[in-house]
Amino acid sequence: MVKKSPAITQTPVEDLTYEQAFAELEGIVTLLEQEQTELEATIAWFERGQALAKRCQDLLDKAEMRVRTLGVDTAGGEPEEV
């Protein structure tokens, strides 16, 4: 029986929100931990997982920059170190 993971999509990684990318990444990790599948499919999942992890990190970096910028705007000076 073939299991289908609802968390894995064909949506381009750059179009995903943080929450969507993270949920899909979790699904891929689960599949890679549990599934016995062909090498090519495993490599494809791994590559997509790497892209999703990068997307999540990029979005977190942008959010951190926005928070730091807001700290400067409201404080009128340098942001505090977090």
PDB file of N, CA and C in Angstrom:
ATOM      1  N   MET A   1       0.842  -1.180   0.000  1.00  0.00           N
ATOM      2  CA  MET A   1       0.000   0.000   0.000  1.00  0.00           C
ATOM      3  C   MET A   1       0.887   1.242   0.000  1.00  0.00           C
ATOM      4  N   VAL A   2       0.577   2.220  -0.841  1.00  0.00           N
ATOM      5  CA  VAL A   2       1.350   3.444  -0.948  1.00  0.00           C
ATOM      6  C   VAL A   2       0.715   4.504  -0.063  1.00  0.00           C
ATOM      7  N   LYS A   3       1.540   5.068   0.814  1.00  0.00           N
ATOM      8  CA  LYS A   3       1.067   6.156   1.673  1.00  0.00           C
ATOM      9  C   LYS A   3       1.240   7.471   0.938  1.00  0.00           C
ATOM     10  N   LYS A   4       0.285   8.360   1.095  1.00  0.00           N
ATOM     11  CA  LYS A   4       0.399   9.685   0.502  1.00  0.00           C
ATOM     12  C   LYS A   4       0.409  10.700   1.628  1.00  0.00           C
ATOM     13  N   SER A   5       1.396  11.565   1.623  1.00  0.00           N
ATOM     14  CA  SER A   5       1.496  12.587   2.650  1.00  0.00           C
ATOM     15  C   SER A   5       0.810  13.859   2.178  1.00  0.00           C
ATOM     16  N   PRO A   6      -0.203  14.318   2.890  1.00  0.00           N
ATOM     17  CA  PRO A   6      -0.898  15.528   2.483  1.00  0.00           C
ATOM     18  C   PRO A   6      -0.059  16.783   2.662  1.00  0.00           C
ATOM     19  N   ALA A   7       1.016  16.706   3.442  1.00  0.00           N
ATOM     20  CA  ALA A   7       1.823  17.895   3.707  1.00  0.00           C
ATOM     21  C   ALA A   7       2.759  18.238   2.550  1.00  0.00           C
ATOM     22  N   ILE A   8       3.052  17.287   1.681  1.00  0.00           N
ATOM     23  CA  ILE A   8       4.001  17.532   0.600  1.00  0.00           C
ATOM     24  C   ILE A   8       3.252  17.974  -0.652  1.00  0.00           C
ATOM     25  N   THR A   9       3.655  19.122  -1.180  1.00  0.00           N
ATOM     26  CA  THR A   9       2.970  19.715  -2.327  1.00  0.00           C
ATOM     27  C   THR A   9       3.940  19.876  -3.485  1.00  0.00           C
ATOM     28  N   GLN A  10       3.409  20.305  -4.593  1.00  0.00           N
ATOM     29  CA  GLN A  10       4.232  20.638  -5.757  1.00  0.00           C
ATOM     30  C   GLN A  10       4.366  22.149  -5.906  1.00  0.00           C
ATOM     31  N   THR A  11       3.861  22.894  -4.932  1.00  0.00           N
ATOM     32  CA  THR A  11       3.939  24.350  -4.961  1.00  0.00           C
ATOM     33  C   THR A  11       5.404  24.787  -4.951  1.00  0.00           C
ATOM     34  N   PRO A  12       5.756  25.743  -5.795  1.00  0.00           N
ATOM     35  CA  PRO A  12       7.141  26.238  -5.765  1.00  0.00           C
ATOM     36  C   PRO A  12       7.496  26.735  -4.357  1.00  0.00           C
ATOM     37  N   VAL A  13       8.675  26.386  -3.898  1.00  0.00           N
ATOM     38  CA  VAL A  13       9.097  26.711  -2.535  1.00  0.00           C
ATOM     39  C   VAL A  13       8.994  28.204  -2.267  1.00  0.00           C
ATOM     40  N   GLU A  14       9.371  29.025  -3.240  1.00  0.00           N
ATOM     41  CA  GLU A  14       9.370  30.474  -3.029  1.00  0.00           C
ATOM     42  C   GLU A  14       7.963  31.063  -2.873  1.00  0.00           C
ATOM     43  N   ASP A  15       6.931  30.283  -3.181  1.00  0.00           N
ATOM     44  CA  ASP A  15       5.552  30.750  -3.021  1.00  0.00           C
ATOM     45  C   ASP A  15       4.944  30.363  -1.677  1.00  0.00           C
ATOM     46  N   LEU A  16       5.656  29.592  -0.872  1.00  0.00           N
ATOM     47  CA  LEU A  16       5.118  29.106   0.391  1.00  0.00           C
ATOM     48  C   LEU A  16       5.345  30.104   1.524  1.00  0.00           C
ATOM     49  N   THR A  17       4.376  30.176   2.425  1.00  0.00           N
ATOM     50  CA  THR A  17       4.567  30.946   3.649  1.00  0.00           C
ATOM     51  C   THR A  17       5.481  30.149   4.571  1.00  0.00           C
ATOM     52  N   TYR A  18       5.905  30.774   5.652  1.00  0.00           N
ATOM     53  CA  TYR A  18       6.743  30.058   6.617  1.00  0.00           C
ATOM     54  C   TYR A  18       6.023  28.828   7.150  1.00  0.00           C
ATOM     55  N   GLU A  19       4.777  29.001   7.527  1.00  0.00           N
ATOM     56  CA  GLU A  19       4.006  27.904   8.109  1.00  0.00           C
ATOM     57  C   GLU A  19       3.830  26.751   7.124  1.00  0.00           C
ATOM     58  N   GLN A  20       3.558  27.073   5.876  1.00  0.00           N
ATOM     59  CA  GLN A  20       3.394  26.039   4.857  1.00  0.00           C
ATOM     60  C   GLN A  20       4.711  25.302   4.614  1.00  0.00           C
ATOM     61  N   ALA A  21       5.795  26.058   4.494  1.00  0.00           N
ATOM     62  CA  ALA A  21       7.105  25.456   4.238  1.00  0.00           C
ATOM     63  C   ALA A  21       7.525  24.574   5.405  1.00  0.00           C
ATOM     64  N   PHE A  22       7.286  25.040   6.626  1.00  0.00           N
ATOM     65  CA  PHE A  22       7.682  24.270   7.797  1.00  0.00           C
ATOM     66  C   PHE A  22       6.867  22.980   7.908  1.00  0.00           C
ATOM     67  N   ALA A  23       5.560  23.073   7.641  1.00  0.00           N
ATOM     68  CA  ALA A  23       4.708  21.878   7.701  1.00  0.00           C
ATOM     69  C   ALA A  23       5.143  20.857   6.651  1.00  0.00           C
ATOM     70  N   GLU A  24       5.455  21.330   5.467  1.00  0.00           N
ATOM     71  CA  GLU A  24       5.902  20.417   4.417  1.00  0.00           C
ATOM     72  C   GLU A  24       7.256  19.800   4.779  1.00  0.00           C
ATOM     73  N   LEU A  25       8.144  20.601   5.337  1.00  0.00           N
ATOM     74  CA  LEU A  25       9.443  20.092   5.761  1.00  0.00           C
ATOM     75  C   LEU A  25       9.273  18.996   6.817  1.00  0.00           C
ATOM     76  N   GLU A  26       8.376  19.214   7.766  1.00  0.00           N
ATOM     77  CA  GLU A  26       8.099  18.183   8.771  1.00  0.00           C
ATOM     78  C   GLU A  26       7.601  16.897   8.114  1.00  0.00           C
ATOM     79  N   GLY A  27       6.736  17.026   7.113  1.00  0.00           N
ATOM     80  CA  GLY A  27       6.227  15.861   6.405  1.00  0.00           C
ATOM     81  C   GLY A  27       7.326  15.095   5.691  1.00  0.00           C
ATOM     82  N   ILE A  28       8.241  15.821   5.089  1.00  0.00           N
ATOM     83  CA  ILE A  28       9.356  15.183   4.386  1.00  0.00           C
ATOM     84  C   ILE A  28      10.269  14.466   5.377  1.00  0.00           C
ATOM     85  N   VAL A  29      10.545  15.102   6.504  1.00  0.00           N
ATOM     86  CA  VAL A  29      11.389  14.456   7.515  1.00  0.00           C
ATOM     87  C   VAL A  29      10.742  13.153   7.971  1.00  0.00           C
ATOM     88  N   THR A  30       9.441  13.187   8.214  1.00  0.00           N
ATOM     89  CA  THR A  30       8.728  11.982   8.631  1.00  0.00           C
ATOM     90  C   THR A  30       8.833  10.898   7.567  1.00  0.00           C
ATOM     91  N   LEU A  31       8.623  11.262   6.320  1.00  0.00           N
ATOM     92  CA  LEU A  31       8.730  10.285   5.231  1.00  0.00           C
ATOM     93  C   LEU A  31      10.133   9.701   5.127  1.00  0.00           C
ATOM     94  N   LEU A  32      11.130  10.557   5.233  1.00  0.00           N
ATOM     95  CA  LEU A  32      12.509  10.077   5.120  1.00  0.00           C
ATOM     96  C   LEU A  32      12.875   9.158   6.283  1.00  0.00           C
ATOM     97  N   GLU A  33      12.281   9.391   7.435  1.00  0.00           N
ATOM     98  CA  GLU A  33      12.556   8.542   8.594  1.00  0.00           C
ATOM     99  C   GLU A  33      11.843   7.197   8.513  1.00  0.00           C
ATOM    100  N   GLN A  34      10.668   7.157   7.878  1.00  0.00           N
ATOM    101  CA  GLN A  34       9.836   5.969   7.928  1.00  0.00           C
ATOM    102  C   GLN A  34       9.785   5.165   6.642  1.00  0.00           C
ATOM    103  N   GLU A  35       9.881   5.796   5.521  1.00  0.00           N
ATOM    104  CA  GLU A  35       9.647   5.125   4.246  1.00  0.00           C
ATOM    105  C   GLU A  35      10.856   4.352   3.742  1.00  0.00           C
ATOM    106  N   GLN A  36      10.574   3.240   3.122  1.00  0.00           N
ATOM    107  CA  GLN A  36      11.567   2.493   2.363  1.00  0.00           C
ATOM    108  C   GLN A  36      11.193   2.724   0.906  1.00  0.00           C
ATOM    109  N   THR A  37      11.945   3.546   0.222  1.00  0.00           N
ATOM    110  CA  THR A  37      11.585   3.922  -1.131  1.00  0.00           C
ATOM    111  C   THR A  37      12.817   3.947  -2.019  1.00  0.00           C
ATOM    112  N   GLU A  38      12.590   4.156  -3.274  1.00  0.00           N
ATOM    113  CA  GLU A  38      13.669   4.184  -4.252  1.00  0.00           C
ATOM    114  C   GLU A  38      14.626   5.338  -3.971  1.00  0.00           C
ATOM    115  N   LEU A  39      15.863   5.127  -4.337  1.00  0.00           N
ATOM    116  CA  LEU A  39      16.906   6.116  -4.093  1.00  0.00           C
ATOM    117  C   LEU A  39      16.571   7.464  -4.725  1.00  0.00           C
ATOM    118  N   GLU A  40      16.107   7.461  -5.968  1.00  0.00           N
ATOM    119  CA  GLU A  40      15.810   8.723  -6.661  1.00  0.00           C
ATOM    120  C   GLU A  40      14.723   9.526  -5.945  1.00  0.00           C
ATOM    121  N   ALA A  41      13.690   8.849  -5.463  1.00  0.00           N
ATOM    122  CA  ALA A  41      12.624   9.542  -4.734  1.00  0.00           C
ATOM    123  C   ALA A  41      13.150  10.108  -3.422  1.00  0.00           C
ATOM    124  N   THR A  42      13.984   9.347  -2.745  1.00  0.00           N
ATOM    125  CA  THR A  42      14.565   9.804  -1.487  1.00  0.00           C
ATOM    126  C   THR A  42      15.427  11.037  -1.717  1.00  0.00           C
ATOM    127  N   ILE A  43      16.217  11.015  -2.773  1.00  0.00           N
ATOM    128  CA  ILE A  43      17.068  12.166  -3.094  1.00  0.00           C
ATOM    129  C   ILE A  43      16.201  13.386  -3.420  1.00  0.00           C
ATOM    130  N   ALA A  44      15.135  13.193  -4.175  1.00  0.00           N
ATOM    131  CA  ALA A  44      14.236  14.301  -4.524  1.00  0.00           C
ATOM    132  C   ALA A  44      13.603  14.898  -3.269  1.00  0.00           C
ATOM    133  N   TRP A  45      13.150  14.044  -2.352  1.00  0.00           N
ATOM    134  CA  TRP A  45      12.569  14.541  -1.100  1.00  0.00           C
ATOM    135  C   TRP A  45      13.615  15.299  -0.292  1.00  0.00           C
ATOM    136  N   PHE A  46      14.828  14.755  -0.237  1.00  0.00           N
ATOM    137  CA  PHE A  46      15.899  15.403   0.503  1.00  0.00           C
ATOM    138  C   PHE A  46      16.199  16.782  -0.090  1.00  0.00           C
ATOM    139  N   GLU A  47      16.282  16.875  -1.413  1.00  0.00           N
ATOM    140  CA  GLU A  47      16.552  18.161  -2.066  1.00  0.00           C
ATOM    141  C   GLU A  47      15.447  19.168  -1.793  1.00  0.00           C
ATOM    142  N   ARG A  48      14.199  18.711  -1.864  1.00  0.00           N
ATOM    143  CA  ARG A  48      13.070  19.615  -1.564  1.00  0.00           C
ATOM    144  C   ARG A  48      13.140  20.041  -0.101  1.00  0.00           C
ATOM    145  N   GLY A  49      13.490  19.123   0.773  1.00  0.00           N
ATOM    146  CA  GLY A  49      13.627  19.458   2.190  1.00  0.00           C
ATOM    147  C   GLY A  49      14.681  20.523   2.426  1.00  0.00           C
ATOM    148  N   GLN A  50      15.798  20.423   1.724  1.00  0.00           N
ATOM    149  CA  GLN A  50      16.846  21.438   1.843  1.00  0.00           C
ATOM    150  C   GLN A  50      16.331  22.801   1.377  1.00  0.00           C
ATOM    151  N   ALA A  51      15.603  22.820   0.275  1.00  0.00           N
ATOM    152  CA  ALA A  51      15.046  24.081  -0.237  1.00  0.00           C
ATOM    153  C   ALA A  51      14.036  24.660   0.740  1.00  0.00           C
ATOM    154  N   LEU A  52      13.225  23.795   1.337  1.00  0.00           N
ATOM    155  CA  LEU A  52      12.238  24.257   2.316  1.00  0.00           C
ATOM    156  C   LEU A  52      12.915  24.817   3.563  1.00  0.00           C
ATOM    157  N   ALA A  53      13.970  24.159   4.025  1.00  0.00           N
ATOM    158  CA  ALA A  53      14.701  24.645   5.197  1.00  0.00           C
ATOM    159  C   ALA A  53      15.308  26.017   4.908  1.00  0.00           C
ATOM    160  N   LYS A  54      15.853  26.193   3.704  1.00  0.00           N
ATOM    161  CA  LYS A  54      16.414  27.491   3.323  1.00  0.00           C
ATOM    162  C   LYS A  54      15.317  28.550   3.269  1.00  0.00           C
ATOM    163  N   ARG A  55      14.158  28.200   2.719  1.00  0.00           N
ATOM    164  CA  ARG A  55      13.033  29.141   2.655  1.00  0.00           C
ATOM    165  C   ARG A  55      12.617  29.572   4.057  1.00  0.00           C
ATOM    166  N   CYS A  56      12.508  28.616   4.964  1.00  0.00           N
ATOM    167  CA  CYS A  56      12.139  28.937   6.345  1.00  0.00           C
ATOM    168  C   CYS A  56      13.171  29.876   6.970  1.00  0.00           C
ATOM    169  N   GLN A  57      14.449  29.575   6.784  1.00  0.00           N
ATOM    170  CA  GLN A  57      15.497  30.418   7.352  1.00  0.00           C
ATOM    171  C   GLN A  57      15.464  31.818   6.753  1.00  0.00           C
ATOM    172  N   ASP A  58      15.263  31.924   5.446  1.00  0.00           N
ATOM    173  CA  ASP A  58      15.186  33.239   4.801  1.00  0.00           C
ATOM    174  C   ASP A  58      14.015  34.055   5.352  1.00  0.00           C
ATOM    175  N   LEU A  59      12.864  33.414   5.516  1.00  0.00           N
ATOM    176  CA  LEU A  59      11.698  34.116   6.047  1.00  0.00           C
ATOM    177  C   LEU A  59      11.915  34.534   7.498  1.00  0.00           C
ATOM    178  N   LEU A  60      12.561  33.686   8.288  1.00  0.00           N
ATOM    179  CA  LEU A  60      12.874  34.057   9.672  1.00  0.00           C
ATOM    180  C   LEU A  60      13.854  35.224   9.718  1.00  0.00           C
ATOM    181  N   ASP A  61      14.850  35.213   8.835  1.00  0.00           N
ATOM    182  CA  ASP A  61      15.811  36.319   8.774  1.00  0.00           C
ATOM    183  C   ASP A  61      15.120  37.635   8.426  1.00  0.00           C
ATOM    184  N   LYS A  62      14.189  37.581   7.470  1.00  0.00           N
ATOM    185  CA  LYS A  62      13.444  38.792   7.094  1.00  0.00           C
ATOM    186  C   LYS A  62      12.586  39.280   8.247  1.00  0.00           C
ATOM    187  N   ALA A  63      11.949  38.361   8.949  1.00  0.00           N
ATOM    188  CA  ALA A  63      11.115  38.743  10.093  1.00  0.00           C
ATOM    189  C   ALA A  63      11.976  39.366  11.191  1.00  0.00           C
ATOM    190  N   GLU A  64      13.145  38.795  11.441  1.00  0.00           N
ATOM    191  CA  GLU A  64      14.039  39.354  12.460  1.00  0.00           C
ATOM    192  C   GLU A  64      14.469  40.765  12.080  1.00  0.00           C
ATOM    193  N   MET A  65      14.770  40.973  10.804  1.00  0.00           N
ATOM    194  CA  MET A  65      15.177  42.296  10.343  1.00  0.00           C
ATOM    195  C   MET A  65      14.044  43.310  10.532  1.00  0.00           C
ATOM    196  N   ARG A  66      12.826  42.882  10.245  1.00  0.00           N
ATOM    197  CA  ARG A  66      11.675  43.775  10.437  1.00  0.00           C
ATOM    198  C   ARG A  66      11.511  44.135  11.905  1.00  0.00           C
ATOM    199  N   VAL A  67      11.662  43.157  12.789  1.00  0.00           N
ATOM    200  CA  VAL A  67      11.527  43.418  14.222  1.00  0.00           C
ATOM    201  C   VAL A  67      12.622  44.370  14.681  1.00  0.00           C
ATOM    202  N   ARG A  68      13.843  44.156  14.206  1.00  0.00           N
ATOM    203  CA  ARG A  68      14.946  45.053  14.570  1.00  0.00           C
ATOM    204  C   ARG A  68      14.681  46.471  14.053  1.00  0.00           C
ATOM    205  N   THR A  69      14.167  46.570  12.830  1.00  0.00           N
ATOM    206  CA  THR A  69      13.858  47.874  12.256  1.00  0.00           C
ATOM    207  C   THR A  69      12.770  48.573  13.065  1.00  0.00           C
ATOM    208  N   LEU A  70      11.755  47.826  13.476  1.00  0.00           N
ATOM    209  CA  LEU A  70      10.703  48.396  14.313  1.00  0.00           C
ATOM    210  C   LEU A  70      11.267  48.865  15.642  1.00  0.00           C
ATOM    211  N   GLY A  71      12.226  48.138  16.188  1.00  0.00           N
ATOM    212  CA  GLY A  71      12.863  48.537  17.440  1.00  0.00           C
ATOM    213  C   GLY A  71      13.599  49.848  17.293  1.00  0.00           C
ATOM    214  N   VAL A  72      14.252  50.056  16.163  1.00  0.00           N
ATOM    215  CA  VAL A  72      14.956  51.314  15.905  1.00  0.00           C
ATOM    216  C   VAL A  72      13.955  52.442  15.726  1.00  0.00           C
ATOM    217  N   ASP A  73      12.885  52.200  14.970  1.00  0.00           N
ATOM    218  CA  ASP A  73      11.895  53.233  14.703  1.00  0.00           C
ATOM    219  C   ASP A  73      11.197  53.699  15.975  1.00  0.00           C
ATOM    220  N   THR A  74      10.852  52.783  16.851  1.00  0.00           N
ATOM    221  CA  THR A  74      10.109  53.165  18.050  1.00  0.00           C
ATOM    222  C   THR A  74      11.016  53.691  19.142  1.00  0.00           C
ATOM    223  N   ALA A  75      12.258  53.244  19.203  1.00  0.00           N
ATOM    224  CA  ALA A  75      13.179  53.671  20.245  1.00  0.00           C
ATOM    225  C   ALA A  75      13.968  54.912  19.826  1.00  0.00           C
ATOM    226  N   GLY A  76      14.034  55.142  18.522  1.00  0.00           N
ATOM    227  CA  GLY A  76      14.772  56.291  18.034  1.00  0.00           C
ATOM    228  C   GLY A  76      16.284  56.107  18.095  1.00  0.00           C
ATOM    229  N   GLY A  77      16.722  54.895  18.296  1.00  0.00           N
ATOM    230  CA  GLY A  77      18.156  54.631  18.371  1.00  0.00           C
ATOM    231  C   GLY A  77      18.450  53.232  17.887  1.00  0.00           C
ATOM    232  N   GLU A  78      19.556  52.713  18.349  1.00  0.00           N
ATOM    233  CA  GLU A  78      19.965  51.357  17.970  1.00  0.00           C
ATOM    234  C   GLU A  78      19.091  50.332  18.682  1.00  0.00           C
ATOM    235  N   PRO A  79      18.755  49.240  17.993  1.00  0.00           N
ATOM    236  CA  PRO A  79      17.972  48.182  18.637  1.00  0.00           C
ATOM    237  C   PRO A  79      18.800  47.459  19.695  1.00  0.00           C
ATOM    238  N   GLU A  80      18.096  46.964  20.703  1.00  0.00           N
ATOM    239  CA  GLU A  80      18.767  46.167  21.716  1.00  0.00           C
ATOM    240  C   GLU A  80      19.133  44.820  21.133  1.00  0.00           C
ATOM    241  N   GLU A  81      20.210  44.253  21.652  1.00  0.00           N
ATOM    242  CA  GLU A  81      20.620  42.918  21.214  1.00  0.00           C
ATOM    243  C   GLU A  81      19.646  41.901  21.777  1.00  0.00           C
ATOM    244  N   VAL A  82      19.172  41.004  20.916  1.00  0.00           N
ATOM    245  CA  VAL A  82      18.182  40.005  21.335  1.00  0.00           C
ATOM    246  C   VAL A  82      18.854  38.765  21.824  1.00  0.00           C
TER     247      VAL A  82
END
